[in-house]
Amino acid sequence: MNFTGIIVGLATFLIIGLFHPIVIKAEYYLGTRCWWMFLVAGFAFCALSILAANFTVSTILGVTAFSSFWSILEIFEQRDRVKKGWFPKGPGHKE
């Protein structure tokens, strides 16, 4: 029996679930100025994914990398959600 798909699926579910509050908190405290942190994290996880010897670990690192890249878009969409009043404006917002 091969559990790789189940492991990767579960890890993907948890990674996406983890990135959701990270994006909200990052936008709250730092505003959109933190987009580059997600870019750097994405490239770092890409590099780790390429270097990982284990297929499952490599795949999970790749999912984390592209979740970081997707978070760049989500940071700016979170800003729009704050402007609509759906989320509170934090100290990371410039007046």
PDB file of N, CA and C in Angstrom:
ATOM      1  N   MET A   1       0.836  -1.182   0.000  1.00  0.00           N
ATOM      2  CA  MET A   1       0.000   0.000   0.000  1.00  0.00           C
ATOM      3  C   MET A   1       0.880   1.244   0.000  1.00  0.00           C
ATOM      4  N   ASN A   2       0.424   2.234  -0.744  1.00  0.00           N
ATOM      5  CA  ASN A   2       1.187   3.471  -0.886  1.00  0.00           C
ATOM      6  C   ASN A   2       0.399   4.612  -0.256  1.00  0.00           C
ATOM      7  N   PHE A   3       0.956   5.201   0.782  1.00  0.00           N
ATOM      8  CA  PHE A   3       0.285   6.287   1.497  1.00  0.00           C
ATOM      9  C   PHE A   3       0.785   7.669   1.092  1.00  0.00           C
ATOM     10  N   THR A   4       1.635   7.763   0.086  1.00  0.00           N
ATOM     11  CA  THR A   4       2.215   9.044  -0.314  1.00  0.00           C
ATOM     12  C   THR A   4       1.143  10.062  -0.661  1.00  0.00           C
ATOM     13  N   GLY A   5       0.155   9.670  -1.434  1.00  0.00           N
ATOM     14  CA  GLY A   5      -0.905  10.597  -1.826  1.00  0.00           C
ATOM     15  C   GLY A   5      -1.687  11.124  -0.639  1.00  0.00           C
ATOM     16  N   ILE A   6      -1.970  10.248   0.301  1.00  0.00           N
ATOM     17  CA  ILE A   6      -2.705  10.653   1.510  1.00  0.00           C
ATOM     18  C   ILE A   6      -1.861  11.612   2.340  1.00  0.00           C
ATOM     19  N   ILE A   7      -0.587  11.309   2.481  1.00  0.00           N
ATOM     20  CA  ILE A   7       0.319  12.162   3.264  1.00  0.00           C
ATOM     21  C   ILE A   7       0.439  13.538   2.622  1.00  0.00           C
ATOM     22  N   VAL A   8       0.653  13.576   1.303  1.00  0.00           N
ATOM     23  CA  VAL A   8       0.787  14.854   0.603  1.00  0.00           C
ATOM     24  C   VAL A   8      -0.536  15.626   0.654  1.00  0.00           C
ATOM     25  N   GLY A   9      -1.648  14.931   0.490  1.00  0.00           N
ATOM     26  CA  GLY A   9      -2.950  15.594   0.565  1.00  0.00           C
ATOM     27  C   GLY A   9      -3.205  16.214   1.925  1.00  0.00           C
ATOM     28  N   LEU A  10      -2.909  15.477   2.970  1.00  0.00           N
ATOM     29  CA  LEU A  10      -3.085  15.990   4.322  1.00  0.00           C
ATOM     30  C   LEU A  10      -2.153  17.173   4.584  1.00  0.00           C
ATOM     31  N   ALA A  11      -0.903  17.037   4.159  1.00  0.00           N
ATOM     32  CA  ALA A  11       0.056  18.129   4.344  1.00  0.00           C
ATOM     33  C   ALA A  11      -0.395  19.374   3.589  1.00  0.00           C
ATOM     34  N   THR A  12      -0.910  19.207   2.372  1.00  0.00           N
ATOM     35  CA  THR A  12      -1.392  20.340   1.584  1.00  0.00           C
ATOM     36  C   THR A  12      -2.550  21.028   2.298  1.00  0.00           C
ATOM     37  N   PHE A  13      -3.482  20.236   2.810  1.00  0.00           N
ATOM     38  CA  PHE A  13      -4.617  20.767   3.554  1.00  0.00           C
ATOM     39  C   PHE A  13      -4.134  21.589   4.751  1.00  0.00           C
ATOM     40  N   LEU A  14      -3.165  21.060   5.504  1.00  0.00           N
ATOM     41  CA  LEU A  14      -2.650  21.755   6.679  1.00  0.00           C
ATOM     42  C   LEU A  14      -1.859  23.005   6.309  1.00  0.00           C
ATOM     43  N   ILE A  15      -1.087  22.937   5.243  1.00  0.00           N
ATOM     44  CA  ILE A  15      -0.288  24.091   4.807  1.00  0.00           C
ATOM     45  C   ILE A  15      -1.202  25.234   4.387  1.00  0.00           C
ATOM     46  N   ILE A  16      -2.212  24.929   3.590  1.00  0.00           N
ATOM     47  CA  ILE A  16      -3.151  25.970   3.163  1.00  0.00           C
ATOM     48  C   ILE A  16      -3.881  26.540   4.374  1.00  0.00           C
ATOM     49  N   GLY A  17      -4.276  25.667   5.285  1.00  0.00           N
ATOM     50  CA  GLY A  17      -4.933  26.126   6.511  1.00  0.00           C
ATOM     51  C   GLY A  17      -4.032  26.987   7.370  1.00  0.00           C
ATOM     52  N   LEU A  18      -2.747  26.723   7.360  1.00  0.00           N
ATOM     53  CA  LEU A  18      -1.786  27.515   8.125  1.00  0.00           C
ATOM     54  C   LEU A  18      -1.527  28.869   7.475  1.00  0.00           C
ATOM     55  N   PHE A  19      -1.456  28.895   6.150  1.00  0.00           N
ATOM     56  CA  PHE A  19      -1.155  30.148   5.453  1.00  0.00           C
ATOM     57  C   PHE A  19      -2.294  31.156   5.546  1.00  0.00           C
ATOM     58  N   HIS A  20      -3.532  30.690   5.699  1.00  0.00           N
ATOM     59  CA  HIS A  20      -4.662  31.614   5.780  1.00  0.00           C
ATOM     60  C   HIS A  20      -4.508  32.603   6.935  1.00  0.00           C
ATOM     61  N   PRO A  21      -4.315  32.144   8.183  1.00  0.00           N
ATOM     62  CA  PRO A  21      -4.132  33.122   9.259  1.00  0.00           C
ATOM     63  C   PRO A  21      -2.798  33.868   9.182  1.00  0.00           C
ATOM     64  N   ILE A  22      -1.786  33.253   8.599  1.00  0.00           N
ATOM     65  CA  ILE A  22      -0.508  33.963   8.441  1.00  0.00           C
ATOM     66  C   ILE A  22      -0.692  35.187   7.545  1.00  0.00           C
ATOM     67  N   VAL A  23      -1.408  35.021   6.447  1.00  0.00           N
ATOM     68  CA  VAL A  23      -1.665  36.147   5.535  1.00  0.00           C
ATOM     69  C   VAL A  23      -2.466  37.230   6.251  1.00  0.00           C
ATOM     70  N   ILE A  24      -3.485  36.844   6.994  1.00  0.00           N
ATOM     71  CA  ILE A  24      -4.322  37.822   7.700  1.00  0.00           C
ATOM     72  C   ILE A  24      -3.496  38.600   8.712  1.00  0.00           C
ATOM     73  N   LYS A  25      -2.705  37.897   9.508  1.00  0.00           N
ATOM     74  CA  LYS A  25      -1.879  38.563  10.526  1.00  0.00           C
ATOM     75  C   LYS A  25      -0.779  39.419   9.897  1.00  0.00           C
ATOM     76  N   ALA A  26      -0.160  38.923   8.829  1.00  0.00           N
ATOM     77  CA  ALA A  26       0.893  39.695   8.167  1.00  0.00           C
ATOM     78  C   ALA A  26       0.333  40.989   7.604  1.00  0.00           C
ATOM     79  N   GLU A  27      -0.836  40.914   6.968  1.00  0.00           N
ATOM     80  CA  GLU A  27      -1.437  42.124   6.407  1.00  0.00           C
ATOM     81  C   GLU A  27      -1.876  43.060   7.514  1.00  0.00           C
ATOM     82  N   TYR A  28      -2.364  42.531   8.619  1.00  0.00           N
ATOM     83  CA  TYR A  28      -2.816  43.339   9.749  1.00  0.00           C
ATOM     84  C   TYR A  28      -1.656  44.134  10.342  1.00  0.00           C
ATOM     85  N   TYR A  29      -0.545  43.445  10.612  1.00  0.00           N
ATOM     86  CA  TYR A  29       0.570  44.094  11.298  1.00  0.00           C
ATOM     87  C   TYR A  29       1.539  44.807  10.354  1.00  0.00           C
ATOM     88  N   LEU A  30       1.688  44.323   9.132  1.00  0.00           N
ATOM     89  CA  LEU A  30       2.697  44.873   8.227  1.00  0.00           C
ATOM     90  C   LEU A  30       2.112  45.534   6.984  1.00  0.00           C
ATOM     91  N   GLY A  31       0.831  45.336   6.731  1.00  0.00           N
ATOM     92  CA  GLY A  31       0.232  45.849   5.499  1.00  0.00           C
ATOM     93  C   GLY A  31       0.745  45.049   4.306  1.00  0.00           C
ATOM     94  N   THR A  32       0.671  45.634   3.148  1.00  0.00           N
ATOM     95  CA  THR A  32       1.112  44.931   1.941  1.00  0.00           C
ATOM     96  C   THR A  32       2.624  44.996   1.751  1.00  0.00           C
ATOM     97  N   ARG A  33       3.299  45.726   2.634  1.00  0.00           N
ATOM     98  CA  ARG A  33       4.760  45.852   2.518  1.00  0.00           C
ATOM     99  C   ARG A  33       5.488  44.521   2.696  1.00  0.00           C
ATOM    100  N   CYS A  34       4.794  43.513   3.212  1.00  0.00           N
ATOM    101  CA  CYS A  34       5.452  42.238   3.512  1.00  0.00           C
ATOM    102  C   CYS A  34       5.374  41.238   2.361  1.00  0.00           C
ATOM    103  N   TRP A  35       4.894  41.644   1.199  1.00  0.00           N
ATOM    104  CA  TRP A  35       4.737  40.699   0.091  1.00  0.00           C
ATOM    105  C   TRP A  35       6.063  40.035  -0.269  1.00  0.00           C
ATOM    106  N   TRP A  36       7.143  40.772  -0.162  1.00  0.00           N
ATOM    107  CA  TRP A  36       8.450  40.243  -0.557  1.00  0.00           C
ATOM    108  C   TRP A  36       8.898  39.103   0.373  1.00  0.00           C
ATOM    109  N   MET A  37       8.413  39.088   1.604  1.00  0.00           N
ATOM    110  CA  MET A  37       8.765  37.999   2.514  1.00  0.00           C
ATOM    111  C   MET A  37       8.208  36.662   2.008  1.00  0.00           C
ATOM    112  N   PHE A  38       7.002  36.716   1.465  1.00  0.00           N
ATOM    113  CA  PHE A  38       6.410  35.513   0.893  1.00  0.00           C
ATOM    114  C   PHE A  38       7.157  35.089  -0.375  1.00  0.00           C
ATOM    115  N   LEU A  39       7.641  36.064  -1.128  1.00  0.00           N
ATOM    116  CA  LEU A  39       8.430  35.758  -2.326  1.00  0.00           C
ATOM    117  C   LEU A  39       9.734  35.059  -1.948  1.00  0.00           C
ATOM    118  N   VAL A  40      10.438  35.592  -0.978  1.00  0.00           N
ATOM    119  CA  VAL A  40      11.689  34.994  -0.519  1.00  0.00           C
ATOM    120  C   VAL A  40      11.436  33.600   0.050  1.00  0.00           C
ATOM    121  N   ALA A  41      10.380  33.465   0.852  1.00  0.00           N
ATOM    122  CA  ALA A  41      10.047  32.156   1.413  1.00  0.00           C
ATOM    123  C   ALA A  41       9.719  31.162   0.302  1.00  0.00           C
ATOM    124  N   GLY A  42       9.008  31.624  -0.720  1.00  0.00           N
ATOM    125  CA  GLY A  42       8.674  30.749  -1.846  1.00  0.00           C
ATOM    126  C   GLY A  42       9.913  30.237  -2.550  1.00  0.00           C
ATOM    127  N   PHE A  43      10.854  31.128  -2.819  1.00  0.00           N
ATOM    128  CA  PHE A  43      12.096  30.704  -3.480  1.00  0.00           C
ATOM    129  C   PHE A  43      12.917  29.780  -2.581  1.00  0.00           C
ATOM    130  N   ALA A  44      12.921  30.059  -1.279  1.00  0.00           N
ATOM    131  CA  ALA A  44      13.666  29.199  -0.347  1.00  0.00           C
ATOM    132  C   ALA A  44      13.065  27.790  -0.312  1.00  0.00           C
ATOM    133  N   PHE A  45      11.738  27.711  -0.234  1.00  0.00           N
ATOM    134  CA  PHE A  45      11.099  26.402  -0.227  1.00  0.00           C
ATOM    135  C   PHE A  45      11.257  25.690  -1.564  1.00  0.00           C
ATOM    136  N   CYS A  46      11.303  26.454  -2.676  1.00  0.00           N
ATOM    137  CA  CYS A  46      11.576  25.836  -3.988  1.00  0.00           C
ATOM    138  C   CYS A  46      12.960  25.201  -3.991  1.00  0.00           C
ATOM    139  N   ALA A  47      13.945  25.940  -3.486  1.00  0.00           N
ATOM    140  CA  ALA A  47      15.309  25.422  -3.450  1.00  0.00           C
ATOM    141  C   ALA A  47      15.385  24.170  -2.572  1.00  0.00           C
ATOM    142  N   LEU A  48      14.735  24.222  -1.416  1.00  0.00           N
ATOM    143  CA  LEU A  48      14.733  23.055  -0.530  1.00  0.00           C
ATOM    144  C   LEU A  48      14.032  21.869  -1.190  1.00  0.00           C
ATOM    145  N   SER A  49      12.974  22.145  -1.933  1.00  0.00           N
ATOM    146  CA  SER A  49      12.258  21.079  -2.625  1.00  0.00           C
ATOM    147  C   SER A  49      13.144  20.392  -3.658  1.00  0.00           C
ATOM    148  N   ILE A  50      13.926  21.188  -4.361  1.00  0.00           N
ATOM    149  CA  ILE A  50      14.835  20.634  -5.379  1.00  0.00           C
ATOM    150  C   ILE A  50      15.937  19.799  -4.725  1.00  0.00           C
ATOM    151  N   LEU A  51      16.382  20.241  -3.565  1.00  0.00           N
ATOM    152  CA  LEU A  51      17.489  19.567  -2.890  1.00  0.00           C
ATOM    153  C   LEU A  51      17.063  18.360  -2.062  1.00  0.00           C
ATOM    154  N   ALA A  52      15.787  18.253  -1.747  1.00  0.00           N
ATOM    155  CA  ALA A  52      15.314  17.157  -0.894  1.00  0.00           C
ATOM    156  C   ALA A  52      15.450  15.815  -1.613  1.00  0.00           C
ATOM    157  N   ALA A  53      15.952  14.827  -0.917  1.00  0.00           N
ATOM    158  CA  ALA A  53      16.164  13.503  -1.506  1.00  0.00           C
ATOM    159  C   ALA A  53      14.892  12.660  -1.504  1.00  0.00           C
ATOM    160  N   ASN A  54      14.031  12.896  -0.542  1.00  0.00           N
ATOM    161  CA  ASN A  54      12.810  12.111  -0.404  1.00  0.00           C
ATOM    162  C   ASN A  54      11.695  12.723  -1.246  1.00  0.00           C
ATOM    163  N   PHE A  55      10.986  11.891  -2.015  1.00  0.00           N
ATOM    164  CA  PHE A  55       9.930  12.371  -2.910  1.00  0.00           C
ATOM    165  C   PHE A  55       8.806  13.063  -2.145  1.00  0.00           C
ATOM    166  N   THR A  56       8.357  12.471  -1.058  1.00  0.00           N
ATOM    167  CA  THR A  56       7.250  13.035  -0.289  1.00  0.00           C
ATOM    168  C   THR A  56       7.638  14.372   0.328  1.00  0.00           C
ATOM    169  N   VAL A  57       8.807  14.448   0.905  1.00  0.00           N
ATOM    170  CA  VAL A  57       9.292  15.696   1.502  1.00  0.00           C
ATOM    171  C   VAL A  57       9.448  16.761   0.420  1.00  0.00           C
ATOM    172  N   SER A  58      10.003  16.393  -0.713  1.00  0.00           N
ATOM    173  CA  SER A  58      10.170  17.326  -1.826  1.00  0.00           C
ATOM    174  C   SER A  58       8.826  17.884  -2.276  1.00  0.00           C
ATOM    175  N   THR A  59       7.834  17.021  -2.366  1.00  0.00           N
ATOM    176  CA  THR A  59       6.506  17.448  -2.788  1.00  0.00           C
ATOM    177  C   THR A  59       5.882  18.406  -1.780  1.00  0.00           C
ATOM    178  N   ILE A  60       6.000  18.092  -0.516  1.00  0.00           N
ATOM    179  CA  ILE A  60       5.436  18.955   0.530  1.00  0.00           C
ATOM    180  C   ILE A  60       6.144  20.308   0.544  1.00  0.00           C
ATOM    181  N   LEU A  61       7.450  20.325   0.357  1.00  0.00           N
ATOM    182  CA  LEU A  61       8.183  21.591   0.271  1.00  0.00           C
ATOM    183  C   LEU A  61       7.749  22.397  -0.960  1.00  0.00           C
ATOM    184  N   GLY A  62       7.484  21.709  -2.058  1.00  0.00           N
ATOM    185  CA  GLY A  62       6.993  22.383  -3.257  1.00  0.00           C
ATOM    186  C   GLY A  62       5.615  22.994  -3.037  1.00  0.00           C
ATOM    187  N   VAL A  63       4.743  22.277  -2.352  1.00  0.00           N
ATOM    188  CA  VAL A  63       3.420  22.815  -2.022  1.00  0.00           C
ATOM    189  C   VAL A  63       3.567  24.052  -1.132  1.00  0.00           C
ATOM    190  N   THR A  64       4.472  23.993  -0.184  1.00  0.00           N
ATOM    191  CA  THR A  64       4.716  25.135   0.692  1.00  0.00           C
ATOM    192  C   THR A  64       5.248  26.322  -0.109  1.00  0.00           C
ATOM    193  N   ALA A  65       6.121  26.051  -1.064  1.00  0.00           N
ATOM    194  CA  ALA A  65       6.670  27.121  -1.907  1.00  0.00           C
ATOM    195  C   ALA A  65       5.563  27.836  -2.671  1.00  0.00           C
ATOM    196  N   PHE A  66       4.714  27.077  -3.305  1.00  0.00           N
ATOM    197  CA  PHE A  66       3.685  27.711  -4.120  1.00  0.00           C
ATOM    198  C   PHE A  66       2.551  28.283  -3.284  1.00  0.00           C
ATOM    199  N   SER A  67       2.382  27.805  -2.063  1.00  0.00           N
ATOM    200  CA  SER A  67       1.460  28.462  -1.136  1.00  0.00           C
ATOM    201  C   SER A  67       2.021  29.821  -0.739  1.00  0.00           C
ATOM    202  N   SER A  68       3.328  29.919  -0.610  1.00  0.00           N
ATOM    203  CA  SER A  68       3.966  31.207  -0.327  1.00  0.00           C
ATOM    204  C   SER A  68       3.770  32.169  -1.488  1.00  0.00           C
ATOM    205  N   PHE A  69       3.963  31.678  -2.695  1.00  0.00           N
ATOM    206  CA  PHE A  69       3.757  32.534  -3.868  1.00  0.00           C
ATOM    207  C   PHE A  69       2.300  32.989  -3.960  1.00  0.00           C
ATOM    208  N   TRP A  70       1.365  32.095  -3.702  1.00  0.00           N
ATOM    209  CA  TRP A  70      -0.059  32.435  -3.770  1.00  0.00           C
ATOM    210  C   TRP A  70      -0.404  33.469  -2.698  1.00  0.00           C
ATOM    211  N   SER A  71       0.305  33.433  -1.574  1.00  0.00           N
ATOM    212  CA  SER A  71       0.044  34.369  -0.484  1.00  0.00           C
ATOM    213  C   SER A  71       0.348  35.806  -0.874  1.00  0.00           C
ATOM    214  N   ILE A  72       1.208  36.015  -1.848  1.00  0.00           N
ATOM    215  CA  ILE A  72       1.476  37.374  -2.333  1.00  0.00           C
ATOM    216  C   ILE A  72       0.183  37.975  -2.873  1.00  0.00           C
ATOM    217  N   LEU A  73      -0.521  37.222  -3.691  1.00  0.00           N
ATOM    218  CA  LEU A  73      -1.815  37.685  -4.205  1.00  0.00           C
ATOM    219  C   LEU A  73      -2.804  37.876  -3.061  1.00  0.00           C
ATOM    220  N   GLU A  74      -2.815  36.945  -2.124  1.00  0.00           N
ATOM    221  CA  GLU A  74      -3.766  37.014  -1.018  1.00  0.00           C
ATOM    222  C   GLU A  74      -3.528  38.217  -0.108  1.00  0.00           C
ATOM    223  N   ILE A  75      -2.275  38.648   0.036  1.00  0.00           N
ATOM    224  CA  ILE A  75      -1.973  39.843   0.837  1.00  0.00           C
ATOM    225  C   ILE A  75      -2.713  41.048   0.263  1.00  0.00           C
ATOM    226  N   PHE A  76      -2.661  41.209  -1.056  1.00  0.00           N
ATOM    227  CA  PHE A  76      -3.315  42.353  -1.694  1.00  0.00           C
ATOM    228  C   PHE A  76      -4.833  42.195  -1.684  1.00  0.00           C
ATOM    229  N   GLU A  77      -5.318  40.982  -1.790  1.00  0.00           N
ATOM    230  CA  GLU A  77      -6.762  40.766  -1.684  1.00  0.00           C
ATOM    231  C   GLU A  77      -7.237  40.985  -0.246  1.00  0.00           C
ATOM    232  N   GLN A  78      -6.398  40.655   0.718  1.00  0.00           N
ATOM    233  CA  GLN A  78      -6.741  40.924   2.113  1.00  0.00           C
ATOM    234  C   GLN A  78      -6.833  42.422   2.352  1.00  0.00           C
ATOM    235  N   ARG A  79      -5.957  43.189   1.735  1.00  0.00           N
ATOM    236  CA  ARG A  79      -6.025  44.652   1.835  1.00  0.00           C
ATOM    237  C   ARG A  79      -7.385  45.146   1.337  1.00  0.00           C
ATOM    238  N   ASP A  80      -7.853  44.578   0.232  1.00  0.00           N
ATOM    239  CA  ASP A  80      -9.154  44.960  -0.308  1.00  0.00           C
ATOM    240  C   ASP A  80     -10.292  44.559   0.636  1.00  0.00           C
ATOM    241  N   ARG A  81     -10.154  43.402   1.279  1.00  0.00           N
ATOM    242  CA  ARG A  81     -11.168  42.975   2.238  1.00  0.00           C
ATOM    243  C   ARG A  81     -11.206  43.909   3.446  1.00  0.00           C
ATOM    244  N   VAL A  82     -10.038  44.416   3.846  1.00  0.00           N
ATOM    245  CA  VAL A  82      -9.978  45.386   4.950  1.00  0.00           C
ATOM    246  C   VAL A  82     -10.659  46.681   4.521  1.00  0.00           C
ATOM    247  N   LYS A  83     -10.409  47.138   3.292  1.00  0.00           N
ATOM    248  CA  LYS A  83     -11.042  48.359   2.793  1.00  0.00           C
ATOM    249  C   LYS A  83     -12.562  48.235   2.759  1.00  0.00           C
ATOM    250  N   LYS A  84     -13.060  47.037   2.503  1.00  0.00           N
ATOM    251  CA  LYS A  84     -14.509  46.805   2.477  1.00  0.00           C
ATOM    252  C   LYS A  84     -15.100  46.703   3.885  1.00  0.00           C
ATOM    253  N   GLY A  85     -14.224  46.655   4.894  1.00  0.00           N
ATOM    254  CA  GLY A  85     -14.687  46.560   6.267  1.00  0.00           C
ATOM    255  C   GLY A  85     -14.928  45.147   6.745  1.00  0.00           C
ATOM    256  N   TRP A  86     -14.510  44.156   5.999  1.00  0.00           N
ATOM    257  CA  TRP A  86     -14.708  42.760   6.386  1.00  0.00           C
ATOM    258  C   TRP A  86     -13.726  42.335   7.470  1.00  0.00           C
ATOM    259  N   PHE A  87     -12.578  43.020   7.545  1.00  0.00           N
ATOM    260  CA  PHE A  87     -11.554  42.729   8.542  1.00  0.00           C
ATOM    261  C   PHE A  87     -11.110  44.047   9.153  1.00  0.00           C
ATOM    262  N   PRO A  88     -10.620  44.030  10.393  1.00  0.00           N
ATOM    263  CA  PRO A  88     -10.186  45.286  11.020  1.00  0.00           C
ATOM    264  C   PRO A  88      -8.878  45.795  10.421  1.00  0.00           C
ATOM    265  N   LYS A  89      -8.744  47.114  10.449  1.00  0.00           N
ATOM    266  CA  LYS A  89      -7.504  47.749   9.981  1.00  0.00           C
ATOM    267  C   LYS A  89      -6.502  47.692  11.123  1.00  0.00           C
ATOM    268  N   GLY A  90      -5.308  47.236  10.825  1.00  0.00           N
ATOM    269  CA  GLY A  90      -4.291  47.077  11.859  1.00  0.00           C
ATOM    270  C   GLY A  90      -3.259  48.190  11.835  1.00  0.00           C
ATOM    271  N   PRO A  91      -2.279  48.077  12.709  1.00  0.00           N
ATOM    272  CA  PRO A  91      -1.230  49.107  12.784  1.00  0.00           C
ATOM    273  C   PRO A  91      -0.319  49.109  11.567  1.00  0.00           C
ATOM    274  N   GLY A  92      -0.390  48.112  10.715  1.00  0.00           N
ATOM    275  CA  GLY A  92       0.459  48.054   9.531  1.00  0.00           C
ATOM    276  C   GLY A  92      -0.054  48.902   8.374  1.00  0.00           C
ATOM    277  N   HIS A  93      -1.172  49.562   8.574  1.00  0.00           N
ATOM    278  CA  HIS A  93      -1.748  50.367   7.496  1.00  0.00           C
ATOM    279  C   HIS A  93      -1.302  51.808   7.617  1.00  0.00           C
ATOM    280  N   LYS A  94      -0.845  52.350   6.500  1.00  0.00           N
ATOM    281  CA  LYS A  94      -0.479  53.768   6.467  1.00  0.00           C
ATOM    282  C   LYS A  94      -1.722  54.569   6.170  1.00  0.00           C
ATOM    283  N   GLU A  95      -1.851  55.666   6.834  1.00  0.00           N
ATOM    284  CA  GLU A  95      -3.022  56.538   6.628  1.00  0.00           C
ATOM    285  C   GLU A  95      -2.828  57.416   5.430  1.00  0.00           C
TER     286      GLU A  95
END
